Amino acid sequence: MTGGLIFLFVSSLLAGAINSIAGGGSLLSFPAAIGAGLAPIVANATNTVAVIPGSLAGAWGFRKHLDGLGRLTAVLCIPAVLGSLVGASILRHTPQRVFDGVVPWLVLGATAVIFVKELWPRRPGRPQEPAAGAQTQTQIQTQLARGAMPPDRIPPLFLGLQFLTSVYGGYFGAAIGLIMLAFLSFLPQRLGLHQMNGVKNVLAVVVNAAAAIDFLVHGLVNGPAVLVMAVGAATGGVLGGRWATHVDPRRVRWLVVAIGVVMAALLGWRALAGRHGSR
């Protein structure tokens, strides 16, 4: 039992750091929870609750990049909450046997999102570093004061994308951060990379918190496991926030892709073996 908790702690610590730096950490922590003996739906719900401290730590680490973006973030939080609750409800009504079969595909799909993100050509004028060609906090605040860039004036398409992404986040959630980064990069406010990461981390907290409340109310969370995973994820989130500006996110994401492929194969084999064993 002790060995399993240590395994969960280390996996969650790494997942928290990965989430803060590049996203996709649940591809490590969720399979680790299954490997520790939790049923897949319980593992998913427990992981959702456990990553919240890490997301909070990540958001805190990027707080200086959120100056002038409070209203924009608040507007996006509305579809984030609604979508997350819908996704959590769908998960609760999914039979365990069905979810067992879907899990490998969810992991593989999340891995594919990360893979495509790395191959997708960057939009012109969207540099990796926020200082080059992106809005600085001072510029954003100046434009807000002049009324030139109302932060709450978000095209309906982006609100819809946030809602759909949050439905997925409430149901499963792996790589949700990268999905949000993808559409945040096309916002008319022209945010820089670290600014998008800050907004993404806040939205991740909101999505996970809404789903977590639903899971806790319906008794889907394993108490001992969630405590160990939460401490690990929070520690990893703090470390990741400190390392984010010194570590190449692309290298981290390629590592996550490799992990995701392996985990999808292992979970697929597990589901297939379980299906044959039940006959």
C-alpha atoms as a PDB file:
ATOM      1  CA  MET A   1       0.000   0.000   0.000  1.00  0.00           C
ATOM      2  CA  THR A   2       2.812   2.382   0.906  1.00  0.00           C
ATOM      3  CA  GLY A   3       4.555   1.617  -2.372  1.00  0.00           C
ATOM      4  CA  GLY A   4       1.382   2.405  -4.290  1.00  0.00           C
ATOM      5  CA  LEU A   5       0.984   5.774  -2.540  1.00  0.00           C
ATOM      6  CA  ILE A   6       4.616   6.670  -3.248  1.00  0.00           C
ATOM      7  CA  PHE A   7       4.051   5.744  -6.889  1.00  0.00           C
ATOM      8  CA  LEU A   8       0.960   7.969  -6.988  1.00  0.00           C
ATOM      9  CA  PHE A   9       2.829  10.856  -5.349  1.00  0.00           C
ATOM     10  CA  VAL A  10       5.753  10.759  -7.780  1.00  0.00           C
ATOM     11  CA  SER A  11       3.453  10.394 -10.795  1.00  0.00           C
ATOM     12  CA  SER A  12       1.297  13.308  -9.650  1.00  0.00           C
ATOM     13  CA  LEU A  13       4.339  15.471  -8.946  1.00  0.00           C
ATOM     14  CA  LEU A  14       5.585  14.927 -12.496  1.00  0.00           C
ATOM     15  CA  ALA A  15       2.075  15.457 -13.875  1.00  0.00           C
ATOM     16  CA  GLY A  16       1.715  18.749 -11.987  1.00  0.00           C
ATOM     17  CA  ALA A  17       5.010  20.021 -13.372  1.00  0.00           C
ATOM     18  CA  ILE A  18       4.091  18.939 -16.902  1.00  0.00           C
ATOM     19  CA  ASN A  19       0.673  20.611 -16.644  1.00  0.00           C
ATOM     20  CA  SER A  20       2.246  23.882 -15.553  1.00  0.00           C
ATOM     21  CA  ILE A  21       4.920  23.860 -18.257  1.00  0.00           C
ATOM     22  CA  ALA A  22       3.234  22.335 -21.274  1.00  0.00           C
ATOM     23  CA  GLY A  23      -0.045  20.556 -20.446  1.00  0.00           C
ATOM     24  CA  GLY A  24      -0.995  16.901 -20.743  1.00  0.00           C
ATOM     25  CA  GLY A  25       0.104  15.771 -17.292  1.00  0.00           C
ATOM     26  CA  SER A  26      -3.063  13.720 -16.784  1.00  0.00           C
ATOM     27  CA  LEU A  27      -1.721  11.291 -19.378  1.00  0.00           C
ATOM     28  CA  LEU A  28       0.661  10.278 -16.602  1.00  0.00           C
ATOM     29  CA  SER A  29      -1.349  10.696 -13.393  1.00  0.00           C
ATOM     30  CA  PHE A  30      -4.607   9.111 -14.614  1.00  0.00           C
ATOM     31  CA  PRO A  31      -3.039   5.809 -15.778  1.00  0.00           C
ATOM     32  CA  ALA A  32      -0.964   5.838 -12.576  1.00  0.00           C
ATOM     33  CA  ALA A  33      -4.183   5.926 -10.545  1.00  0.00           C
ATOM     34  CA  ILE A  34      -5.505   2.946 -12.504  1.00  0.00           C
ATOM     35  CA  GLY A  35      -2.180   1.185 -11.981  1.00  0.00           C
ATOM     36  CA  ALA A  36      -2.553   1.777  -8.244  1.00  0.00           C
ATOM     37  CA  GLY A  37      -5.786  -0.224  -8.296  1.00  0.00           C
ATOM     38  CA  LEU A  38      -8.556   2.371  -8.735  1.00  0.00           C
ATOM     39  CA  ALA A  39     -11.442   1.650 -11.091  1.00  0.00           C
ATOM     40  CA  PRO A  40     -11.123   3.819 -14.246  1.00  0.00           C
ATOM     41  CA  ILE A  41     -14.111   6.092 -13.493  1.00  0.00           C
ATOM     42  CA  VAL A  42     -12.992   6.539  -9.873  1.00  0.00           C
ATOM     43  CA  ALA A  43      -9.407   7.089 -11.072  1.00  0.00           C
ATOM     44  CA  ASN A  44     -10.640   9.750 -13.486  1.00  0.00           C
ATOM     45  CA  ALA A  45     -12.729  11.536 -10.838  1.00  0.00           C
ATOM     46  CA  THR A  46      -9.931  11.292  -8.262  1.00  0.00           C
ATOM     47  CA  ASN A  47      -7.402  12.645 -10.743  1.00  0.00           C
ATOM     48  CA  THR A  48      -9.689  15.573 -11.565  1.00  0.00           C
ATOM     49  CA  VAL A  49      -9.841  16.581  -7.906  1.00  0.00           C
ATOM     50  CA  ALA A  50      -6.126  15.955  -7.349  1.00  0.00           C
ATOM     51  CA  VAL A  51      -4.904  18.213 -10.166  1.00  0.00           C
ATOM     52  CA  ILE A  52      -6.721  21.282  -8.804  1.00  0.00           C
ATOM     53  CA  PRO A  53      -3.923  22.323  -6.381  1.00  0.00           C
ATOM     54  CA  GLY A  54      -1.409  21.956  -9.184  1.00  0.00           C
ATOM     55  CA  SER A  55      -3.541  24.096 -11.488  1.00  0.00           C
ATOM     56  CA  LEU A  56      -3.893  26.678  -8.726  1.00  0.00           C
ATOM     57  CA  ALA A  57      -0.144  26.703  -8.214  1.00  0.00           C
ATOM     58  CA  GLY A  58       0.391  27.043 -11.940  1.00  0.00           C
ATOM     59  CA  ALA A  59      -2.068  29.932 -12.142  1.00  0.00           C
ATOM     60  CA  TRP A  60      -0.307  31.611  -9.216  1.00  0.00           C
ATOM     61  CA  GLY A  61       3.031  31.183 -10.968  1.00  0.00           C
ATOM     62  CA  PHE A  62       1.692  33.034 -14.020  1.00  0.00           C
ATOM     63  CA  ARG A  63      -0.224  35.692 -12.044  1.00  0.00           C
ATOM     64  CA  LYS A  64       1.989  38.559 -13.202  1.00  0.00           C
ATOM     65  CA  HIS A  65       1.015  37.767 -16.801  1.00  0.00           C
ATOM     66  CA  LEU A  66      -2.708  38.165 -16.043  1.00  0.00           C
ATOM     67  CA  ASP A  67      -2.639  41.938 -15.506  1.00  0.00           C
ATOM     68  CA  GLY A  68      -5.440  43.488 -17.542  1.00  0.00           C
ATOM     69  CA  LEU A  69      -6.970  40.112 -18.426  1.00  0.00           C
ATOM     70  CA  GLY A  70      -9.348  39.688 -15.485  1.00  0.00           C
ATOM     71  CA  ARG A  71     -12.599  40.428 -17.331  1.00  0.00           C
ATOM     72  CA  LEU A  72     -11.659  38.342 -20.366  1.00  0.00           C
ATOM     73  CA  THR A  73     -10.863  35.393 -18.099  1.00  0.00           C
ATOM     74  CA  ALA A  74     -14.089  35.877 -16.110  1.00  0.00           C
ATOM     75  CA  VAL A  75     -16.212  35.802 -19.274  1.00  0.00           C
ATOM     76  CA  LEU A  76     -14.574  32.564 -20.415  1.00  0.00           C
ATOM     77  CA  CYS A  77     -15.196  31.049 -16.974  1.00  0.00           C
ATOM     78  CA  ILE A  78     -18.965  31.036 -17.581  1.00  0.00           C
ATOM     79  CA  PRO A  79     -18.961  28.427 -20.403  1.00  0.00           C
ATOM     80  CA  ALA A  80     -16.124  26.668 -18.563  1.00  0.00           C
ATOM     81  CA  VAL A  81     -18.339  25.965 -15.531  1.00  0.00           C
ATOM     82  CA  LEU A  82     -21.405  25.004 -17.560  1.00  0.00           C
ATOM     83  CA  GLY A  83     -19.478  22.692 -19.878  1.00  0.00           C
ATOM     84  CA  SER A  84     -17.610  21.011 -17.053  1.00  0.00           C
ATOM     85  CA  LEU A  85     -20.832  20.168 -15.200  1.00  0.00           C
ATOM     86  CA  VAL A  86     -22.293  18.677 -18.375  1.00  0.00           C
ATOM     87  CA  GLY A  87     -19.174  16.558 -18.907  1.00  0.00           C
ATOM     88  CA  ALA A  88     -19.151  15.350 -15.304  1.00  0.00           C
ATOM     89  CA  SER A  89     -22.816  14.339 -15.582  1.00  0.00           C
ATOM     90  CA  ILE A  90     -22.104  12.380 -18.761  1.00  0.00           C
ATOM     91  CA  LEU A  91     -19.244  10.568 -17.004  1.00  0.00           C
ATOM     92  CA  ARG A  92     -21.450   9.621 -14.044  1.00  0.00           C
ATOM     93  CA  HIS A  93     -24.003   8.098 -16.389  1.00  0.00           C
ATOM     94  CA  THR A  94     -21.432   6.167 -18.423  1.00  0.00           C
ATOM     95  CA  PRO A  95     -21.388   2.417 -17.575  1.00  0.00           C
ATOM     96  CA  GLN A  96     -18.018   1.236 -16.216  1.00  0.00           C
ATOM     97  CA  ARG A  97     -17.628  -1.338 -19.006  1.00  0.00           C
ATOM     98  CA  VAL A  98     -18.218   1.322 -21.662  1.00  0.00           C
ATOM     99  CA  PHE A  99     -15.752   3.714 -20.041  1.00  0.00           C
ATOM    100  CA  ASP A 100     -13.131   0.945 -19.844  1.00  0.00           C
ATOM    101  CA  GLY A 101     -13.355   0.566 -23.604  1.00  0.00           C
ATOM    102  CA  VAL A 102     -13.361   4.304 -24.272  1.00  0.00           C
ATOM    103  CA  VAL A 103     -10.384   5.181 -22.031  1.00  0.00           C
ATOM    104  CA  PRO A 104      -7.601   4.003 -24.390  1.00  0.00           C
ATOM    105  CA  TRP A 105      -9.121   6.063 -27.185  1.00  0.00           C
ATOM    106  CA  LEU A 106      -9.432   9.107 -24.946  1.00  0.00           C
ATOM    107  CA  VAL A 107      -5.760   8.824 -23.993  1.00  0.00           C
ATOM    108  CA  LEU A 108      -4.769   8.293 -27.624  1.00  0.00           C
ATOM    109  CA  GLY A 109      -6.931  11.236 -28.715  1.00  0.00           C
ATOM    110  CA  ALA A 110      -5.373  13.511 -26.101  1.00  0.00           C
ATOM    111  CA  THR A 111      -1.937  12.371 -27.245  1.00  0.00           C
ATOM    112  CA  ALA A 112      -2.906  13.145 -30.837  1.00  0.00           C
ATOM    113  CA  VAL A 113      -3.910  16.679 -29.804  1.00  0.00           C
ATOM    114  CA  ILE A 114      -0.445  17.247 -28.374  1.00  0.00           C
ATOM    115  CA  PHE A 115       1.199  15.680 -31.440  1.00  0.00           C
ATOM    116  CA  VAL A 116      -0.780  17.820 -33.884  1.00  0.00           C
ATOM    117  CA  LYS A 117      -0.097  20.918 -31.773  1.00  0.00           C
ATOM    118  CA  GLU A 118       3.625  20.362 -32.248  1.00  0.00           C
ATOM    119  CA  LEU A 119       3.318  19.852 -36.016  1.00  0.00           C
ATOM    120  CA  TRP A 120       0.832  22.685 -36.598  1.00  0.00           C
ATOM    121  CA  PRO A 121       2.532  25.704 -38.173  1.00  0.00           C
ATOM    122  CA  ARG A 122       2.559  28.753 -35.949  1.00  0.00           C
ATOM    123  CA  ARG A 123       0.226  31.546 -36.885  1.00  0.00           C
ATOM    124  CA  PRO A 124       2.168  34.534 -38.232  1.00  0.00           C
ATOM    125  CA  GLY A 125       2.772  37.022 -35.483  1.00  0.00           C
ATOM    126  CA  ARG A 126       2.391  34.421 -32.727  1.00  0.00           C
ATOM    127  CA  PRO A 127       5.944  34.047 -31.438  1.00  0.00           C
ATOM    128  CA  GLN A 128       6.907  31.698 -28.670  1.00  0.00           C
ATOM    129  CA  GLU A 129       8.094  34.525 -26.480  1.00  0.00           C
ATOM    130  CA  PRO A 130       5.458  37.053 -25.401  1.00  0.00           C
ATOM    131  CA  ALA A 131       7.803  40.032 -25.655  1.00  0.00           C
ATOM    132  CA  ALA A 132       7.977  39.859 -29.455  1.00  0.00           C
ATOM    133  CA  GLY A 133       4.868  41.068 -31.262  1.00  0.00           C
ATOM    134  CA  ALA A 134       2.363  40.275 -28.502  1.00  0.00           C
ATOM    135  CA  GLN A 135       0.419  42.574 -26.255  1.00  0.00           C
ATOM    136  CA  THR A 136       2.272  43.441 -23.054  1.00  0.00           C
ATOM    137  CA  GLN A 137       0.442  44.013 -19.799  1.00  0.00           C
ATOM    138  CA  THR A 138       1.045  47.764 -20.118  1.00  0.00           C
ATOM    139  CA  GLN A 139      -0.348  47.821 -23.662  1.00  0.00           C
ATOM    140  CA  ILE A 140      -3.412  45.853 -22.602  1.00  0.00           C
ATOM    141  CA  GLN A 141      -4.104  48.172 -19.679  1.00  0.00           C
ATOM    142  CA  THR A 142      -3.655  51.233 -21.910  1.00  0.00           C
ATOM    143  CA  GLN A 143      -6.081  49.849 -24.483  1.00  0.00           C
ATOM    144  CA  LEU A 144      -8.567  48.965 -21.768  1.00  0.00           C
ATOM    145  CA  ALA A 145      -8.428  52.505 -20.461  1.00  0.00           C
ATOM    146  CA  ARG A 146      -9.082  53.851 -23.956  1.00  0.00           C
ATOM    147  CA  GLY A 147     -11.851  51.349 -24.637  1.00  0.00           C
ATOM    148  CA  ALA A 148      -9.999  50.112 -27.723  1.00  0.00           C
ATOM    149  CA  MET A 149     -10.020  46.447 -26.721  1.00  0.00           C
ATOM    150  CA  PRO A 150     -12.987  45.459 -24.549  1.00  0.00           C
ATOM    151  CA  PRO A 151     -11.816  42.191 -22.941  1.00  0.00           C
ATOM    152  CA  ASP A 152     -15.339  40.872 -22.478  1.00  0.00           C
ATOM    153  CA  ARG A 153     -16.158  41.251 -26.181  1.00  0.00           C
ATOM    154  CA  ILE A 154     -15.367  37.699 -27.200  1.00  0.00           C
ATOM    155  CA  PRO A 155     -16.778  36.288 -30.450  1.00  0.00           C
ATOM    156  CA  PRO A 156     -19.484  33.643 -29.769  1.00  0.00           C
ATOM    157  CA  LEU A 157     -17.319  31.044 -31.535  1.00  0.00           C
ATOM    158  CA  PHE A 158     -14.743  31.209 -28.747  1.00  0.00           C
ATOM    159  CA  LEU A 159     -17.410  30.919 -26.056  1.00  0.00           C
ATOM    160  CA  GLY A 160     -18.739  27.832 -27.828  1.00  0.00           C
ATOM    161  CA  LEU A 161     -15.258  26.352 -28.106  1.00  0.00           C
ATOM    162  CA  GLN A 162     -14.682  26.937 -24.399  1.00  0.00           C
ATOM    163  CA  PHE A 163     -17.981  25.228 -23.583  1.00  0.00           C
ATOM    164  CA  LEU A 164     -17.216  22.153 -25.720  1.00  0.00           C
ATOM    165  CA  THR A 165     -13.660  21.951 -24.399  1.00  0.00           C
ATOM    166  CA  SER A 166     -15.017  22.114 -20.855  1.00  0.00           C
ATOM    167  CA  VAL A 167     -17.516  19.314 -21.554  1.00  0.00           C
ATOM    168  CA  TYR A 168     -14.530  17.200 -22.515  1.00  0.00           C
ATOM    169  CA  GLY A 169     -12.667  18.488 -19.458  1.00  0.00           C
ATOM    170  CA  GLY A 170     -15.447  17.476 -17.102  1.00  0.00           C
ATOM    171  CA  TYR A 171     -15.638  14.041 -18.714  1.00  0.00           C
ATOM    172  CA  PHE A 172     -11.923  13.261 -19.004  1.00  0.00           C
ATOM    173  CA  GLY A 173      -9.712  16.328 -19.317  1.00  0.00           C
ATOM    174  CA  ALA A 174      -6.285  15.103 -20.465  1.00  0.00           C
ATOM    175  CA  ALA A 175      -4.612  17.705 -22.726  1.00  0.00           C
ATOM    176  CA  ILE A 176      -7.430  20.189 -22.087  1.00  0.00           C
ATOM    177  CA  GLY A 177      -4.802  22.861 -21.476  1.00  0.00           C
ATOM    178  CA  LEU A 178      -3.371  22.458 -24.969  1.00  0.00           C
ATOM    179  CA  ILE A 179      -6.830  22.539 -26.527  1.00  0.00           C
ATOM    180  CA  MET A 180      -7.532  25.824 -24.750  1.00  0.00           C
ATOM    181  CA  LEU A 181      -4.157  27.233 -25.764  1.00  0.00           C
ATOM    182  CA  ALA A 182      -4.986  26.394 -29.380  1.00  0.00           C
ATOM    183  CA  PHE A 183      -8.085  28.595 -29.542  1.00  0.00           C
ATOM    184  CA  LEU A 184      -6.773  31.240 -27.154  1.00  0.00           C
ATOM    185  CA  SER A 185      -4.004  31.894 -29.675  1.00  0.00           C
ATOM    186  CA  PHE A 186      -6.661  33.126 -32.121  1.00  0.00           C
ATOM    187  CA  LEU A 187      -8.391  35.565 -29.761  1.00  0.00           C
ATOM    188  CA  PRO A 188      -8.532  39.109 -31.177  1.00  0.00           C
ATOM    189  CA  GLN A 189      -6.770  40.334 -28.005  1.00  0.00           C
ATOM    190  CA  ARG A 190      -3.495  38.823 -29.349  1.00  0.00           C
ATOM    191  CA  LEU A 191      -2.151  37.396 -26.122  1.00  0.00           C
ATOM    192  CA  GLY A 192       1.433  36.283 -25.645  1.00  0.00           C
ATOM    193  CA  LEU A 193       2.409  32.728 -24.748  1.00  0.00           C
ATOM    194  CA  HIS A 194       2.783  33.348 -21.011  1.00  0.00           C
ATOM    195  CA  GLN A 195      -0.438  35.368 -20.950  1.00  0.00           C
ATOM    196  CA  MET A 196      -2.304  32.502 -22.642  1.00  0.00           C
ATOM    197  CA  ASN A 197      -0.761  30.089 -20.168  1.00  0.00           C
ATOM    198  CA  GLY A 198      -2.002  32.245 -17.304  1.00  0.00           C
ATOM    199  CA  VAL A 199      -5.564  32.370 -18.656  1.00  0.00           C
ATOM    200  CA  LYS A 200      -5.433  28.652 -19.473  1.00  0.00           C
ATOM    201  CA  ASN A 201      -4.351  27.766 -15.938  1.00  0.00           C
ATOM    202  CA  VAL A 202      -7.208  29.768 -14.401  1.00  0.00           C
ATOM    203  CA  LEU A 203      -9.731  28.130 -16.732  1.00  0.00           C
ATOM    204  CA  ALA A 204      -8.285  24.703 -15.897  1.00  0.00           C
ATOM    205  CA  VAL A 205      -8.881  25.411 -12.207  1.00  0.00           C
ATOM    206  CA  VAL A 206     -12.488  26.397 -12.923  1.00  0.00           C
ATOM    207  CA  VAL A 207     -13.191  23.355 -15.126  1.00  0.00           C
ATOM    208  CA  ASN A 208     -11.632  20.906 -12.687  1.00  0.00           C
ATOM    209  CA  ALA A 209     -13.250  22.523  -9.643  1.00  0.00           C
ATOM    210  CA  ALA A 210     -16.751  22.390 -11.140  1.00  0.00           C
ATOM    211  CA  ALA A 211     -16.333  18.716 -12.083  1.00  0.00           C
ATOM    212  CA  ALA A 212     -14.688  17.948  -8.720  1.00  0.00           C
ATOM    213  CA  ILE A 213     -17.683  19.282  -6.781  1.00  0.00           C
ATOM    214  CA  ASP A 214     -19.958  17.041  -8.825  1.00  0.00           C
ATOM    215  CA  PHE A 215     -17.738  13.984  -8.274  1.00  0.00           C
ATOM    216  CA  LEU A 216     -17.387  14.620  -4.537  1.00  0.00           C
ATOM    217  CA  VAL A 217     -21.133  15.032  -4.085  1.00  0.00           C
ATOM    218  CA  HIS A 218     -21.734  11.708  -5.837  1.00  0.00           C
ATOM    219  CA  GLY A 219     -18.984   9.803  -3.993  1.00  0.00           C
ATOM    220  CA  LEU A 220     -16.709   9.028  -6.946  1.00  0.00           C
ATOM    221  CA  VAL A 221     -13.455  10.198  -5.313  1.00  0.00           C
ATOM    222  CA  ASN A 222     -11.020   7.937  -3.434  1.00  0.00           C
ATOM    223  CA  GLY A 223      -9.982   9.823  -0.269  1.00  0.00           C
ATOM    224  CA  PRO A 224      -6.452   8.497   0.469  1.00  0.00           C
ATOM    225  CA  ALA A 225      -5.444   8.549  -3.192  1.00  0.00           C
ATOM    226  CA  VAL A 226      -6.690  12.084  -3.804  1.00  0.00           C
ATOM    227  CA  LEU A 227      -4.763  13.474  -0.824  1.00  0.00           C
ATOM    228  CA  VAL A 228      -1.482  11.940  -1.979  1.00  0.00           C
ATOM    229  CA  MET A 229      -2.047  12.961  -5.596  1.00  0.00           C
ATOM    230  CA  ALA A 230      -3.078  16.500  -4.642  1.00  0.00           C
ATOM    231  CA  VAL A 231       0.097  17.087  -2.630  1.00  0.00           C
ATOM    232  CA  GLY A 232       2.193  15.716  -5.476  1.00  0.00           C
ATOM    233  CA  ALA A 233       0.371  17.776  -8.127  1.00  0.00           C
ATOM    234  CA  ALA A 234       0.652  20.969  -6.054  1.00  0.00           C
ATOM    235  CA  THR A 235       4.372  20.435  -5.526  1.00  0.00           C
ATOM    236  CA  GLY A 236       4.861  19.758  -9.210  1.00  0.00           C
ATOM    237  CA  GLY A 237       2.797  22.812 -10.158  1.00  0.00           C
ATOM    238  CA  VAL A 238       4.991  25.088  -8.023  1.00  0.00           C
ATOM    239  CA  LEU A 239       8.179  23.623  -9.471  1.00  0.00           C
ATOM    240  CA  GLY A 240       6.771  23.751 -12.985  1.00  0.00           C
ATOM    241  CA  GLY A 241       5.790  27.402 -12.597  1.00  0.00           C
ATOM    242  CA  ARG A 242       9.379  28.211 -11.619  1.00  0.00           C
ATOM    243  CA  TRP A 243      10.885  26.159 -14.441  1.00  0.00           C
ATOM    244  CA  ALA A 244       8.419  27.247 -17.162  1.00  0.00           C
ATOM    245  CA  THR A 245      10.586  30.068 -18.477  1.00  0.00           C
ATOM    246  CA  HIS A 246      13.737  27.901 -18.425  1.00  0.00           C
ATOM    247  CA  VAL A 247      12.413  24.684 -19.992  1.00  0.00           C
ATOM    248  CA  ASP A 248      11.501  24.243 -23.662  1.00  0.00           C
ATOM    249  CA  PRO A 249       7.773  23.310 -23.673  1.00  0.00           C
ATOM    250  CA  ARG A 250       8.181  21.549 -27.024  1.00  0.00           C
ATOM    251  CA  ARG A 251      10.579  19.006 -25.578  1.00  0.00           C
ATOM    252  CA  VAL A 252       8.247  18.401 -22.671  1.00  0.00           C
ATOM    253  CA  ARG A 253       5.299  17.891 -25.037  1.00  0.00           C
ATOM    254  CA  TRP A 254       7.224  15.392 -27.164  1.00  0.00           C
ATOM    255  CA  LEU A 255       7.935  13.478 -23.968  1.00  0.00           C
ATOM    256  CA  VAL A 256       4.228  13.575 -23.133  1.00  0.00           C
ATOM    257  CA  VAL A 257       3.406  12.253 -26.624  1.00  0.00           C
ATOM    258  CA  ALA A 258       5.682   9.269 -26.034  1.00  0.00           C
ATOM    259  CA  ILE A 259       4.111   8.662 -22.616  1.00  0.00           C
ATOM    260  CA  GLY A 260       0.611   8.947 -24.072  1.00  0.00           C
ATOM    261  CA  VAL A 261       1.248   6.386 -26.807  1.00  0.00           C
ATOM    262  CA  VAL A 262       2.641   3.892 -24.292  1.00  0.00           C
ATOM    263  CA  MET A 263      -0.207   4.491 -21.839  1.00  0.00           C
ATOM    264  CA  ALA A 264      -2.861   4.142 -24.560  1.00  0.00           C
ATOM    265  CA  ALA A 265      -1.346   0.815 -25.615  1.00  0.00           C
ATOM    266  CA  LEU A 266      -1.201  -0.461 -22.019  1.00  0.00           C
ATOM    267  CA  LEU A 267      -4.769   0.631 -21.255  1.00  0.00           C
ATOM    268  CA  GLY A 268      -5.976  -0.877 -24.524  1.00  0.00           C
ATOM    269  CA  TRP A 269      -4.327  -4.167 -23.653  1.00  0.00           C
ATOM    270  CA  ARG A 270      -5.848  -4.003 -20.163  1.00  0.00           C
ATOM    271  CA  ALA A 271      -9.342  -3.383 -21.537  1.00  0.00           C
ATOM    272  CA  LEU A 272      -8.963  -6.189 -24.091  1.00  0.00           C
ATOM    273  CA  ALA A 273      -7.674  -8.611 -21.469  1.00  0.00           C
ATOM    274  CA  GLY A 274     -10.544  -7.691 -19.143  1.00  0.00           C
ATOM    275  CA  ARG A 275     -13.068  -8.262 -21.915  1.00  0.00           C
ATOM    276  CA  HIS A 276     -11.670 -11.703 -22.699  1.00  0.00           C
ATOM    277  CA  GLY A 277     -11.443 -12.518 -18.980  1.00  0.00           C
ATOM    278  CA  SER A 278     -15.132 -11.763 -18.468  1.00  0.00           C
ATOM    279  CA  ARG A 279     -16.212 -14.253 -21.103  1.00  0.00           C
END
